[in-house]
Amino acid sequence: MQFGEKIRLLRKRAGISQKDFAEQLGITRRALVYYENGERFPREAELIDKIADFFNVSSDFLTDDSESITMTKEEIFLEKAKAEDKLRGKAKQKNSLKLQNVYLPAENYQMKIKMRFLRY
């Protein structure tokens, strides 16, 4: 598991948004997105240490790709569902979803995916 995947999973488990986590780290949300997507890697060791301290893990754990976080069944399902949705082009509908002729705000998207998980 790569650095970005680890910090995304740890952040989600902590229930903190990208915006709030970026503020805690003193970086922009965009920089955090780059890190989580694996498009960039922090240049400063202090930032990696700060992330490790925040999640109470070692910086070696975060940077060693052979180390992995065991994902729960629900997390695996959510990742798979999101990947499938992106393939179907639903990522363009981030701001609203049509569910039984009612458009839901984006925050209800996670609930809809969880409902799919429960039916799964």
PDB file of N, CA and C in Angstrom:
ATOM      1  N   MET A   1       0.855  -1.173   0.000  1.00  0.00           N
ATOM      2  CA  MET A   1       0.000   0.000   0.000  1.00  0.00           C
ATOM      3  C   MET A   1       0.903   1.238   0.000  1.00  0.00           C
ATOM      4  N   GLN A   2       0.577   2.183  -0.856  1.00  0.00           N
ATOM      5  CA  GLN A   2       1.413   3.366  -1.014  1.00  0.00           C
ATOM      6  C   GLN A   2       1.045   4.459  -0.008  1.00  0.00           C
ATOM      7  N   PHE A   3       1.944   5.411   0.101  1.00  0.00           N
ATOM      8  CA  PHE A   3       1.821   6.516   1.054  1.00  0.00           C
ATOM      9  C   PHE A   3       0.451   7.198   0.966  1.00  0.00           C
ATOM     10  N   GLY A   4       0.048   7.574  -0.237  1.00  0.00           N
ATOM     11  CA  GLY A   4      -1.211   8.292  -0.418  1.00  0.00           C
ATOM     12  C   GLY A   4      -2.419   7.487   0.009  1.00  0.00           C
ATOM     13  N   GLU A   5      -2.416   6.216  -0.333  1.00  0.00           N
ATOM     14  CA  GLU A   5      -3.528   5.345   0.061  1.00  0.00           C
ATOM     15  C   GLU A   5      -3.620   5.241   1.580  1.00  0.00           C
ATOM     16  N   LYS A   6      -2.465   5.159   2.222  1.00  0.00           N
ATOM     17  CA  LYS A   6      -2.453   5.041   3.683  1.00  0.00           C
ATOM     18  C   LYS A   6      -3.019   6.287   4.342  1.00  0.00           C
ATOM     19  N   ILE A   7      -2.546   7.463   3.907  1.00  0.00           N
ATOM     20  CA  ILE A   7      -3.030   8.670   4.589  1.00  0.00           C
ATOM     21  C   ILE A   7      -4.510   8.917   4.283  1.00  0.00           C
ATOM     22  N   ARG A   8      -4.976   8.555   3.083  1.00  0.00           N
ATOM     23  CA  ARG A   8      -6.405   8.704   2.774  1.00  0.00           C
ATOM     24  C   ARG A   8      -7.234   7.800   3.695  1.00  0.00           C
ATOM     25  N   LEU A   9      -6.815   6.546   3.823  1.00  0.00           N
ATOM     26  CA  LEU A   9      -7.558   5.596   4.648  1.00  0.00           C
ATOM     27  C   LEU A   9      -7.530   6.014   6.122  1.00  0.00           C
ATOM     28  N   LEU A  10      -6.360   6.414   6.607  1.00  0.00           N
ATOM     29  CA  LEU A  10      -6.255   6.845   8.004  1.00  0.00           C
ATOM     30  C   LEU A  10      -7.086   8.096   8.254  1.00  0.00           C
ATOM     31  N   ARG A  11      -7.074   9.017   7.286  1.00  0.00           N
ATOM     32  CA  ARG A  11      -7.864  10.252   7.433  1.00  0.00           C
ATOM     33  C   ARG A  11      -9.352   9.944   7.487  1.00  0.00           C
ATOM     34  N   LYS A  12      -9.790   9.052   6.609  1.00  0.00           N
ATOM     35  CA  LYS A  12     -11.210   8.694   6.592  1.00  0.00           C
ATOM     36  C   LYS A  12     -11.611   7.979   7.869  1.00  0.00           C
ATOM     37  N   ARG A  13     -10.747   7.109   8.359  1.00  0.00           N
ATOM     38  CA  ARG A  13     -11.053   6.414   9.615  1.00  0.00           C
ATOM     39  C   ARG A  13     -11.145   7.403  10.774  1.00  0.00           C
ATOM     40  N   ALA A  14     -10.328   8.449  10.714  1.00  0.00           N
ATOM     41  CA  ALA A  14     -10.358   9.467  11.763  1.00  0.00           C
ATOM     42  C   ALA A  14     -11.573  10.383  11.604  1.00  0.00           C
ATOM     43  N   GLY A  15     -12.231  10.301  10.470  1.00  0.00           N
ATOM     44  CA  GLY A  15     -13.422  11.108  10.227  1.00  0.00           C
ATOM     45  C   GLY A  15     -13.112  12.575  10.018  1.00  0.00           C
ATOM     46  N   ILE A  16     -11.969  12.865   9.449  1.00  0.00           N
ATOM     47  CA  ILE A  16     -11.579  14.258   9.224  1.00  0.00           C
ATOM     48  C   ILE A  16     -11.578  14.546   7.723  1.00  0.00           C
ATOM     49  N   SER A  17     -12.069  15.705   7.359  1.00  0.00           N
ATOM     50  CA  SER A  17     -12.147  16.068   5.943  1.00  0.00           C
ATOM     51  C   SER A  17     -10.757  16.445   5.421  1.00  0.00           C
ATOM     52  N   GLN A  18     -10.630  16.449   4.106  1.00  0.00           N
ATOM     53  CA  GLN A  18      -9.367  16.859   3.499  1.00  0.00           C
ATOM     54  C   GLN A  18      -9.027  18.291   3.893  1.00  0.00           C
ATOM     55  N   LYS A  19     -10.041  19.145   3.881  1.00  0.00           N
ATOM     56  CA  LYS A  19      -9.821  20.553   4.210  1.00  0.00           C
ATOM     57  C   LYS A  19      -9.291  20.707   5.635  1.00  0.00           C
ATOM     58  N   ASP A  20      -9.952  20.047   6.581  1.00  0.00           N
ATOM     59  CA  ASP A  20      -9.536  20.163   7.979  1.00  0.00           C
ATOM     60  C   ASP A  20      -8.159  19.541   8.208  1.00  0.00           C
ATOM     61  N   PHE A  21      -7.904  18.422   7.561  1.00  0.00           N
ATOM     62  CA  PHE A  21      -6.610  17.764   7.736  1.00  0.00           C
ATOM     63  C   PHE A  21      -5.495  18.624   7.134  1.00  0.00           C
ATOM     64  N   ALA A  22      -5.766  19.189   5.967  1.00  0.00           N
ATOM     65  CA  ALA A  22      -4.768  20.069   5.342  1.00  0.00           C
ATOM     66  C   ALA A  22      -4.461  21.262   6.242  1.00  0.00           C
ATOM     67  N   GLU A  23      -5.497  21.820   6.863  1.00  0.00           N
ATOM     68  CA  GLU A  23      -5.284  22.946   7.783  1.00  0.00           C
ATOM     69  C   GLU A  23      -4.442  22.528   8.982  1.00  0.00           C
ATOM     70  N   GLN A  24      -4.714  21.320   9.491  1.00  0.00           N
ATOM     71  CA  GLN A  24      -3.924  20.805  10.625  1.00  0.00           C
ATOM     72  C   GLN A  24      -2.449  20.690  10.248  1.00  0.00           C
ATOM     73  N   LEU A  25      -2.200  20.289   8.999  1.00  0.00           N
ATOM     74  CA  LEU A  25      -0.827  20.087   8.548  1.00  0.00           C
ATOM     75  C   LEU A  25      -0.158  21.385   8.098  1.00  0.00           C
ATOM     76  N   GLY A  26      -0.968  22.412   7.847  1.00  0.00           N
ATOM     77  CA  GLY A  26      -0.419  23.678   7.369  1.00  0.00           C
ATOM     78  C   GLY A  26      -0.081  23.650   5.886  1.00  0.00           C
ATOM     79  N   ILE A  27      -0.843  22.844   5.136  1.00  0.00           N
ATOM     80  CA  ILE A  27      -0.661  22.768   3.681  1.00  0.00           C
ATOM     81  C   ILE A  27      -1.996  23.067   3.016  1.00  0.00           C
ATOM     82  N   THR A  28      -1.992  23.208   1.709  1.00  0.00           N
ATOM     83  CA  THR A  28      -3.246  23.449   1.004  1.00  0.00           C
ATOM     84  C   THR A  28      -3.981  22.128   0.810  1.00  0.00           C
ATOM     85  N   ARG A  29      -5.290  22.242   0.639  1.00  0.00           N
ATOM     86  CA  ARG A  29      -6.091  21.045   0.385  1.00  0.00           C
ATOM     87  C   ARG A  29      -5.639  20.390  -0.920  1.00  0.00           C
ATOM     88  N   ARG A  30      -5.299  21.205  -1.887  1.00  0.00           N
ATOM     89  CA  ARG A  30      -4.840  20.694  -3.192  1.00  0.00           C
ATOM     90  C   ARG A  30      -3.577  19.835  -3.024  1.00  0.00           C
ATOM     91  N   ALA A  31      -2.657  20.293  -2.187  1.00  0.00           N
ATOM     92  CA  ALA A  31      -1.430  19.514  -1.946  1.00  0.00           C
ATOM     93  C   ALA A  31      -1.784  18.163  -1.334  1.00  0.00           C
ATOM     94  N   LEU A  32      -2.727  18.177  -0.391  1.00  0.00           N
ATOM     95  CA  LEU A  32      -3.145  16.917   0.239  1.00  0.00           C
ATOM     96  C   LEU A  32      -3.767  15.984  -0.795  1.00  0.00           C
ATOM     97  N   VAL A  33      -4.560  16.538  -1.704  1.00  0.00           N
ATOM     98  CA  VAL A  33      -5.172  15.718  -2.765  1.00  0.00           C
ATOM     99  C   VAL A  33      -4.076  15.074  -3.616  1.00  0.00           C
ATOM    100  N   TYR A  34      -3.060  15.855  -3.955  1.00  0.00           N
ATOM    101  CA  TYR A  34      -1.940  15.297  -4.730  1.00  0.00           C
ATOM    102  C   TYR A  34      -1.294  14.137  -3.978  1.00  0.00           C
ATOM    103  N   TYR A  35      -1.073  14.322  -2.687  1.00  0.00           N
ATOM    104  CA  TYR A  35      -0.441  13.257  -1.890  1.00  0.00           C
ATOM    105  C   TYR A  35      -1.337  12.025  -1.845  1.00  0.00           C
ATOM    106  N   GLU A  36      -2.625  12.230  -1.574  1.00  0.00           N
ATOM    107  CA  GLU A  36      -3.540  11.086  -1.454  1.00  0.00           C
ATOM    108  C   GLU A  36      -3.706  10.350  -2.781  1.00  0.00           C
ATOM    109  N   ASN A  37      -3.631  11.077  -3.882  1.00  0.00           N
ATOM    110  CA  ASN A  37      -3.776  10.429  -5.191  1.00  0.00           C
ATOM    111  C   ASN A  37      -2.467   9.820  -5.693  1.00  0.00           C
ATOM    112  N   GLY A  38      -1.416  10.001  -4.938  1.00  0.00           N
ATOM    113  CA  GLY A  38      -0.121   9.446  -5.320  1.00  0.00           C
ATOM    114  C   GLY A  38       0.560  10.210  -6.438  1.00  0.00           C
ATOM    115  N   GLU A  39       0.093  11.429  -6.702  1.00  0.00           N
ATOM    116  CA  GLU A  39       0.673  12.239  -7.770  1.00  0.00           C
ATOM    117  C   GLU A  39       1.917  12.988  -7.307  1.00  0.00           C
ATOM    118  N   ARG A  40       2.027  13.215  -6.013  1.00  0.00           N
ATOM    119  CA  ARG A  40       3.197  13.878  -5.434  1.00  0.00           C
ATOM    120  C   ARG A  40       3.505  13.238  -4.096  1.00  0.00           C
ATOM    121  N   PHE A  41       4.711  13.515  -3.643  1.00  0.00           N
ATOM    122  CA  PHE A  41       5.159  13.009  -2.347  1.00  0.00           C
ATOM    123  C   PHE A  41       5.771  14.182  -1.587  1.00  0.00           C
ATOM    124  N   PRO A  42       5.479  14.310  -0.299  1.00  0.00           N
ATOM    125  CA  PRO A  42       6.035  15.457   0.441  1.00  0.00           C
ATOM    126  C   PRO A  42       7.555  15.486   0.392  1.00  0.00           C
ATOM    127  N   ARG A  43       8.107  16.661   0.152  1.00  0.00           N
ATOM    128  CA  ARG A  43       9.559  16.815   0.087  1.00  0.00           C
ATOM    129  C   ARG A  43      10.168  16.920   1.480  1.00  0.00           C
ATOM    130  N   GLU A  44       9.399  17.493   2.406  1.00  0.00           N
ATOM    131  CA  GLU A  44       9.919  17.732   3.745  1.00  0.00           C
ATOM    132  C   GLU A  44       9.642  16.541   4.653  1.00  0.00           C
ATOM    133  N   ALA A  45      10.705  16.071   5.297  1.00  0.00           N
ATOM    134  CA  ALA A  45      10.550  14.963   6.250  1.00  0.00           C
ATOM    135  C   ALA A  45       9.687  15.395   7.432  1.00  0.00           C
ATOM    136  N   GLU A  46       9.714  16.704   7.750  1.00  0.00           N
ATOM    137  CA  GLU A  46       8.925  17.193   8.877  1.00  0.00           C
ATOM    138  C   GLU A  46       7.426  16.991   8.630  1.00  0.00           C
ATOM    139  N   LEU A  47       7.005  17.151   7.377  1.00  0.00           N
ATOM    140  CA  LEU A  47       5.593  16.965   7.062  1.00  0.00           C
ATOM    141  C   LEU A  47       5.196  15.497   7.234  1.00  0.00           C
ATOM    142  N   ILE A  48       6.052  14.599   6.799  1.00  0.00           N
ATOM    143  CA  ILE A  48       5.765  13.164   6.975  1.00  0.00           C
ATOM    144  C   ILE A  48       5.696  12.837   8.463  1.00  0.00           C
ATOM    145  N   ASP A  49       6.616  13.400   9.240  1.00  0.00           N
ATOM    146  CA  ASP A  49       6.590  13.182  10.691  1.00  0.00           C
ATOM    147  C   ASP A  49       5.312  13.756  11.313  1.00  0.00           C
ATOM    148  N   LYS A  50       4.882  14.897  10.811  1.00  0.00           N
ATOM    149  CA  LYS A  50       3.662  15.528  11.324  1.00  0.00           C
ATOM    150  C   LYS A  50       2.438  14.648  11.040  1.00  0.00           C
ATOM    151  N   ILE A  51       2.392  14.079   9.842  1.00  0.00           N
ATOM    152  CA  ILE A  51       1.289  13.185   9.479  1.00  0.00           C
ATOM    153  C   ILE A  51       1.339  11.929  10.354  1.00  0.00           C
ATOM    154  N   ALA A  52       2.537  11.376  10.522  1.00  0.00           N
ATOM    155  CA  ALA A  52       2.687  10.170  11.348  1.00  0.00           C
ATOM    156  C   ALA A  52       2.265  10.449  12.781  1.00  0.00           C
ATOM    157  N   ASP A  53       2.669  11.588  13.321  1.00  0.00           N
ATOM    158  CA  ASP A  53       2.274  11.943  14.693  1.00  0.00           C
ATOM    159  C   ASP A  53       0.765  12.099  14.800  1.00  0.00           C
ATOM    160  N   PHE A  54       0.156  12.709  13.789  1.00  0.00           N
ATOM    161  CA  PHE A  54      -1.295  12.925  13.824  1.00  0.00           C
ATOM    162  C   PHE A  54      -2.036  11.599  13.930  1.00  0.00           C
ATOM    163  N   PHE A  55      -1.564  10.588  13.180  1.00  0.00           N
ATOM    164  CA  PHE A  55      -2.247   9.292  13.183  1.00  0.00           C
ATOM    165  C   PHE A  55      -1.639   8.298  14.170  1.00  0.00           C
ATOM    166  N   ASN A  56      -0.635   8.752  14.911  1.00  0.00           N
ATOM    167  CA  ASN A  56       0.023   7.913  15.905  1.00  0.00           C
ATOM    168  C   ASN A  56       0.602   6.633  15.276  1.00  0.00           C
ATOM    169  N   VAL A  57       1.269   6.810  14.153  1.00  0.00           N
ATOM    170  CA  VAL A  57       1.990   5.721  13.489  1.00  0.00           C
ATOM    171  C   VAL A  57       3.413   6.216  13.228  1.00  0.00           C
ATOM    172  N   SER A  58       4.294   5.322  12.832  1.00  0.00           N
ATOM    173  CA  SER A  58       5.667   5.757  12.545  1.00  0.00           C
ATOM    174  C   SER A  58       5.755   6.282  11.110  1.00  0.00           C
ATOM    175  N   SER A  59       6.716   7.156  10.882  1.00  0.00           N
ATOM    176  CA  SER A  59       6.910   7.672   9.522  1.00  0.00           C
ATOM    177  C   SER A  59       7.412   6.560   8.603  1.00  0.00           C
ATOM    178  N   ASP A  60       8.139   5.598   9.158  1.00  0.00           N
ATOM    179  CA  ASP A  60       8.575   4.444   8.353  1.00  0.00           C
ATOM    180  C   ASP A  60       7.377   3.649   7.848  1.00  0.00           C
ATOM    181  N   PHE A  61       6.373   3.514   8.700  1.00  0.00           N
ATOM    182  CA  PHE A  61       5.165   2.805   8.289  1.00  0.00           C
ATOM    183  C   PHE A  61       4.502   3.506   7.110  1.00  0.00           C
ATOM    184  N   LEU A  62       4.460   4.837   7.150  1.00  0.00           N
ATOM    185  CA  LEU A  62       3.802   5.582   6.072  1.00  0.00           C
ATOM    186  C   LEU A  62       4.571   5.493   4.755  1.00  0.00           C
ATOM    187  N   THR A  63       5.883   5.484   4.837  1.00  0.00           N
ATOM    188  CA  THR A  63       6.689   5.545   3.611  1.00  0.00           C
ATOM    189  C   THR A  63       7.080   4.185   3.049  1.00  0.00           C
ATOM    190  N   ASP A  64       6.933   3.129   3.832  1.00  0.00           N
ATOM    191  CA  ASP A  64       7.288   1.791   3.361  1.00  0.00           C
ATOM    192  C   ASP A  64       6.088   1.173   2.632  1.00  0.00           C
ATOM    193  N   ASP A  65       6.205   1.039   1.316  1.00  0.00           N
ATOM    194  CA  ASP A  65       5.083   0.517   0.523  1.00  0.00           C
ATOM    195  C   ASP A  65       4.764  -0.946   0.820  1.00  0.00           C
ATOM    196  N   SER A  66       5.710  -1.667   1.423  1.00  0.00           N
ATOM    197  CA  SER A  66       5.428  -3.078   1.729  1.00  0.00           C
ATOM    198  C   SER A  66       4.539  -3.201   2.966  1.00  0.00           C
ATOM    199  N   GLU A  67       4.487  -2.127   3.781  1.00  0.00           N
ATOM    200  CA  GLU A  67       3.594  -2.113   4.946  1.00  0.00           C
ATOM    201  C   GLU A  67       2.191  -1.761   4.460  1.00  0.00           C
ATOM    202  N   SER A  68       1.208  -2.415   5.036  1.00  0.00           N
ATOM    203  CA  SER A  68      -0.148  -2.196   4.579  1.00  0.00           C
ATOM    204  C   SER A  68      -1.099  -2.042   5.758  1.00  0.00           C
ATOM    205  N   ILE A  69      -2.211  -1.410   5.505  1.00  0.00           N
ATOM    206  CA  ILE A  69      -3.281  -1.275   6.497  1.00  0.00           C
ATOM    207  C   ILE A  69      -4.366  -2.261   6.098  1.00  0.00           C
ATOM    208  N   THR A  70      -4.802  -3.035   7.047  1.00  0.00           N
ATOM    209  CA  THR A  70      -5.871  -3.980   6.761  1.00  0.00           C
ATOM    210  C   THR A  70      -7.182  -3.213   6.635  1.00  0.00           C
ATOM    211  N   MET A  71      -7.777  -3.329   5.463  1.00  0.00           N
ATOM    212  CA  MET A  71      -9.037  -2.631   5.223  1.00  0.00           C
ATOM    213  C   MET A  71     -10.200  -3.497   5.663  1.00  0.00           C
ATOM    214  N   THR A  72     -11.229  -2.848   6.193  1.00  0.00           N
ATOM    215  CA  THR A  72     -12.425  -3.585   6.579  1.00  0.00           C
ATOM    216  C   THR A  72     -13.191  -3.962   5.321  1.00  0.00           C
ATOM    217  N   LYS A  73     -14.120  -4.866   5.481  1.00  0.00           N
ATOM    218  CA  LYS A  73     -14.945  -5.303   4.353  1.00  0.00           C
ATOM    219  C   LYS A  73     -15.710  -4.119   3.763  1.00  0.00           C
ATOM    220  N   GLU A  74     -16.194  -3.235   4.627  1.00  0.00           N
ATOM    221  CA  GLU A  74     -16.943  -2.067   4.171  1.00  0.00           C
ATOM    222  C   GLU A  74     -16.043  -1.115   3.395  1.00  0.00           C
ATOM    223  N   GLU A  75     -14.812  -0.885   3.880  1.00  0.00           N
ATOM    224  CA  GLU A  75     -13.886   0.003   3.186  1.00  0.00           C
ATOM    225  C   GLU A  75     -13.530  -0.544   1.805  1.00  0.00           C
ATOM    226  N   ILE A  76     -13.338  -1.853   1.724  1.00  0.00           N
ATOM    227  CA  ILE A  76     -13.038  -2.469   0.423  1.00  0.00           C
ATOM    228  C   ILE A  76     -14.218  -2.275  -0.523  1.00  0.00           C
ATOM    229  N   PHE A  77     -15.419  -2.482  -0.009  1.00  0.00           N
ATOM    230  CA  PHE A  77     -16.609  -2.309  -0.841  1.00  0.00           C
ATOM    231  C   PHE A  77     -16.746  -0.867  -1.315  1.00  0.00           C
ATOM    232  N   LEU A  78     -16.520   0.093  -0.389  1.00  0.00           N
ATOM    233  CA  LEU A  78     -16.647   1.513  -0.756  1.00  0.00           C
ATOM    234  C   LEU A  78     -15.635   1.901  -1.829  1.00  0.00           C
ATOM    235  N   GLU A  79     -14.405   1.437  -1.692  1.00  0.00           N
ATOM    236  CA  GLU A  79     -13.379   1.745  -2.696  1.00  0.00           C
ATOM    237  C   GLU A  79     -13.772   1.150  -4.049  1.00  0.00           C
ATOM    238  N   LYS A  80     -14.265  -0.066  -4.029  1.00  0.00           N
ATOM    239  CA  LYS A  80     -14.670  -0.725  -5.272  1.00  0.00           C
ATOM    240  C   LYS A  80     -15.866   0.002  -5.902  1.00  0.00           C
ATOM    241  N   ALA A  81     -16.828   0.382  -5.065  1.00  0.00           N
ATOM    242  CA  ALA A  81     -18.014   1.086  -5.576  1.00  0.00           C
ATOM    243  C   ALA A  81     -17.633   2.430  -6.187  1.00  0.00           C
ATOM    244  N   LYS A  82     -16.720   3.150  -5.538  1.00  0.00           N
ATOM    245  CA  LYS A  82     -16.297   4.438  -6.079  1.00  0.00           C
ATOM    246  C   LYS A  82     -15.580   4.268  -7.405  1.00  0.00           C
ATOM    247  N   ALA A  83     -14.740   3.246  -7.493  1.00  0.00           N
ATOM    248  CA  ALA A  83     -14.025   3.003  -8.752  1.00  0.00           C
ATOM    249  C   ALA A  83     -15.015   2.666  -9.866  1.00  0.00           C
ATOM    250  N   GLU A  84     -16.010   1.862  -9.535  1.00  0.00           N
ATOM    251  CA  GLU A  84     -17.021   1.514 -10.542  1.00  0.00           C
ATOM    252  C   GLU A  84     -17.812   2.739 -10.966  1.00  0.00           C
ATOM    253  N   ASP A  85     -18.159   3.589 -10.001  1.00  0.00           N
ATOM    254  CA  ASP A  85     -18.914   4.804 -10.319  1.00  0.00           C
ATOM    255  C   ASP A  85     -18.114   5.732 -11.230  1.00  0.00           C
ATOM    256  N   LYS A  86     -16.817   5.826 -10.974  1.00  0.00           N
ATOM    257  CA  LYS A  86     -15.982   6.671 -11.828  1.00  0.00           C
ATOM    258  C   LYS A  86     -15.972   6.140 -13.246  1.00  0.00           C
ATOM    259  N   LEU A  87     -15.905   4.824 -13.368  1.00  0.00           N
ATOM    260  CA  LEU A  87     -15.911   4.228 -14.697  1.00  0.00           C
ATOM    261  C   LEU A  87     -17.212   4.528 -15.425  1.00  0.00           C
ATOM    262  N   ARG A  88     -18.284   4.611 -14.702  1.00  0.00           N
ATOM    263  CA  ARG A  88     -19.585   4.890 -15.317  1.00  0.00           C
ATOM    264  C   ARG A  88     -19.801   6.379 -15.561  1.00  0.00           C
ATOM    265  N   GLY A  89     -18.849   7.176 -15.137  1.00  0.00           N
ATOM    266  CA  GLY A  89     -18.975   8.607 -15.374  1.00  0.00           C
ATOM    267  C   GLY A  89     -19.803   9.331 -14.336  1.00  0.00           C
ATOM    268  N   LYS A  90     -20.085   8.677 -13.216  1.00  0.00           N
ATOM    269  CA  LYS A  90     -20.883   9.330 -12.197  1.00  0.00           C
ATOM    270  C   LYS A  90     -20.081  10.336 -11.382  1.00  0.00           C
ATOM    271  N   ALA A  91     -18.783  10.355 -11.558  1.00  0.00           N
ATOM    272  CA  ALA A  91     -17.964  11.314 -10.823  1.00  0.00           C
ATOM    273  C   ALA A  91     -18.336  12.745 -11.203  1.00  0.00           C
ATOM    274  N   LYS A  92     -18.905  12.912 -12.414  1.00  0.00           N
ATOM    275  CA  LYS A  92     -19.304  14.249 -12.850  1.00  0.00           C
ATOM    276  C   LYS A  92     -20.492  14.770 -12.053  1.00  0.00           C
ATOM    277  N   GLN A  93     -21.197  13.865 -11.374  1.00  0.00           N
ATOM    278  CA  GLN A  93     -22.386  14.266 -10.627  1.00  0.00           C
ATOM    279  C   GLN A  93     -22.068  14.403  -9.142  1.00  0.00           C
ATOM    280  N   LYS A  94     -20.927  14.977  -8.808  1.00  0.00           N
ATOM    281  CA  LYS A  94     -20.520  15.086  -7.408  1.00  0.00           C
ATOM    282  C   LYS A  94     -21.493  15.919  -6.587  1.00  0.00           C
ATOM    283  N   ASN A  95     -22.047  16.937  -7.187  1.00  0.00           N
ATOM    284  CA  ASN A  95     -22.867  17.858  -6.407  1.00  0.00           C
ATOM    285  C   ASN A  95     -24.283  17.373  -6.166  1.00  0.00           C
ATOM    286  N   SER A  96     -24.738  16.428  -6.949  1.00  0.00           N
ATOM    287  CA  SER A  96     -26.089  15.929  -6.713  1.00  0.00           C
ATOM    288  C   SER A  96     -26.251  14.554  -7.316  1.00  0.00           C
ATOM    289  N   LEU A  97     -27.121  13.793  -6.753  1.00  0.00           N
ATOM    290  CA  LEU A  97     -27.436  12.462  -7.252  1.00  0.00           C
ATOM    291  C   LEU A  97     -28.944  12.358  -7.402  1.00  0.00           C
ATOM    292  N   LYS A  98     -29.347  11.637  -8.407  1.00  0.00           N
ATOM    293  CA  LYS A  98     -30.778  11.445  -8.585  1.00  0.00           C
ATOM    294  C   LYS A  98     -31.138  10.105  -7.950  1.00  0.00           C
ATOM    295  N   LEU A  99     -31.980  10.152  -6.953  1.00  0.00           N
ATOM    296  CA  LEU A  99     -32.418   8.945  -6.265  1.00  0.00           C
ATOM    297  C   LEU A  99     -33.932   9.036  -6.146  1.00  0.00           C
ATOM    298  N   GLN A 100     -34.625   8.214  -6.863  1.00  0.00           N
ATOM    299  CA  GLN A 100     -36.080   8.204  -6.882  1.00  0.00           C
ATOM    300  C   GLN A 100     -36.624   9.607  -7.161  1.00  0.00           C
ATOM    301  N   ASN A 101     -36.108  10.213  -8.225  1.00  0.00           N
ATOM    302  CA  ASN A 101     -36.521  11.540  -8.693  1.00  0.00           C
ATOM    303  C   ASN A 101     -36.273  12.654  -7.681  1.00  0.00           C
ATOM    304  N   VAL A 102     -35.399  12.439  -6.716  1.00  0.00           N
ATOM    305  CA  VAL A 102     -35.031  13.474  -5.741  1.00  0.00           C
ATOM    306  C   VAL A 102     -33.525  13.655  -5.824  1.00  0.00           C
ATOM    307  N   TYR A 103     -33.085  14.900  -5.996  1.00  0.00           N
ATOM    308  CA  TYR A 103     -31.655  15.164  -6.037  1.00  0.00           C
ATOM    309  C   TYR A 103     -31.134  15.341  -4.613  1.00  0.00           C
ATOM    310  N   LEU A 104     -30.090  14.562  -4.287  1.00  0.00           N
ATOM    311  CA  LEU A 104     -29.518  14.615  -2.945  1.00  0.00           C
ATOM    312  C   LEU A 104     -28.231  15.419  -2.976  1.00  0.00           C
ATOM    313  N   PRO A 105     -27.936  16.142  -1.898  1.00  0.00           N
ATOM    314  CA  PRO A 105     -26.645  16.829  -1.843  1.00  0.00           C
ATOM    315  C   PRO A 105     -25.513  15.817  -1.755  1.00  0.00           C
ATOM    316  N   ALA A 106     -24.302  16.267  -2.046  1.00  0.00           N
ATOM    317  CA  ALA A 106     -23.143  15.374  -2.130  1.00  0.00           C
ATOM    318  C   ALA A 106     -22.901  14.604  -0.842  1.00  0.00           C
ATOM    319  N   GLU A 107     -23.197  15.186   0.344  1.00  0.00           N
ATOM    320  CA  GLU A 107     -22.919  14.483   1.590  1.00  0.00           C
ATOM    321  C   GLU A 107     -23.753  13.213   1.736  1.00  0.00           C
ATOM    322  N   ASN A 108     -24.869  13.134   1.022  1.00  0.00           N
ATOM    323  CA  ASN A 108     -25.692  11.934   1.078  1.00  0.00           C
ATOM    324  C   ASN A 108     -25.159  10.838   0.169  1.00  0.00           C
ATOM    325  N   TYR A 109     -24.164  11.149  -0.633  1.00  0.00           N
ATOM    326  CA  TYR A 109     -23.583  10.175  -1.538  1.00  0.00           C
ATOM    327  C   TYR A 109     -22.993   9.001  -0.766  1.00  0.00           C
ATOM    328  N   GLN A 110     -22.264   9.298   0.316  1.00  0.00           N
ATOM    329  CA  GLN A 110     -21.682   8.229   1.139  1.00  0.00           C
ATOM    330  C   GLN A 110     -22.791   7.346   1.702  1.00  0.00           C
ATOM    331  N   MET A 111     -23.899   7.951   2.132  1.00  0.00           N
ATOM    332  CA  MET A 111     -25.000   7.179   2.692  1.00  0.00           C
ATOM    333  C   MET A 111     -25.577   6.253   1.629  1.00  0.00           C
ATOM    334  N   LYS A 112     -25.701   6.744   0.401  1.00  0.00           N
ATOM    335  CA  LYS A 112     -26.240   5.916  -0.667  1.00  0.00           C
ATOM    336  C   LYS A 112     -25.328   4.729  -0.934  1.00  0.00           C
ATOM    337  N   ILE A 113     -24.016   4.968  -0.924  1.00  0.00           N
ATOM    338  CA  ILE A 113     -23.079   3.872  -1.151  1.00  0.00           C
ATOM    339  C   ILE A 113     -23.166   2.871  -0.010  1.00  0.00           C
ATOM    340  N   LYS A 114     -23.313   3.351   1.229  1.00  0.00           N
ATOM    341  CA  LYS A 114     -23.440   2.445   2.365  1.00  0.00           C
ATOM    342  C   LYS A 114     -24.728   1.635   2.263  1.00  0.00           C
ATOM    343  N   MET A 115     -25.803   2.251   1.756  1.00  0.00           N
ATOM    344  CA  MET A 115     -27.058   1.516   1.580  1.00  0.00           C
ATOM    345  C   MET A 115     -26.850   0.399   0.570  1.00  0.00           C
ATOM    346  N   ARG A 116     -26.073   0.682  -0.491  1.00  0.00           N
ATOM    347  CA  ARG A 116     -25.753  -0.361  -1.469  1.00  0.00           C
ATOM    348  C   ARG A 116     -24.962  -1.473  -0.814  1.00  0.00           C
ATOM    349  N   PHE A 117     -24.064  -1.098   0.111  1.00  0.00           N
ATOM    350  CA  PHE A 117     -23.249  -2.084   0.809  1.00  0.00           C
ATOM    351  C   PHE A 117     -24.137  -2.997   1.655  1.00  0.00           C
ATOM    352  N   LEU A 118     -25.094  -2.419   2.343  1.00  0.00           N
ATOM    353  CA  LEU A 118     -25.966  -3.218   3.195  1.00  0.00           C
ATOM    354  C   LEU A 118     -26.796  -4.202   2.382  1.00  0.00           C
ATOM    355  N   ARG A 119     -27.161  -3.795   1.161  1.00  0.00           N
ATOM    356  CA  ARG A 119     -27.914  -4.703   0.289  1.00  0.00           C
ATOM    357  C   ARG A 119     -27.016  -5.758  -0.321  1.00  0.00           C
ATOM    358  N   TYR A 120     -25.706  -5.504  -0.364  1.00  0.00           N
ATOM    359  CA  TYR A 120     -24.724  -6.362  -1.008  1.00  0.00           C
ATOM    360  C   TYR A 120     -24.583  -7.702  -0.338  1.00  0.00           C
TER     361      TYR A 120
END
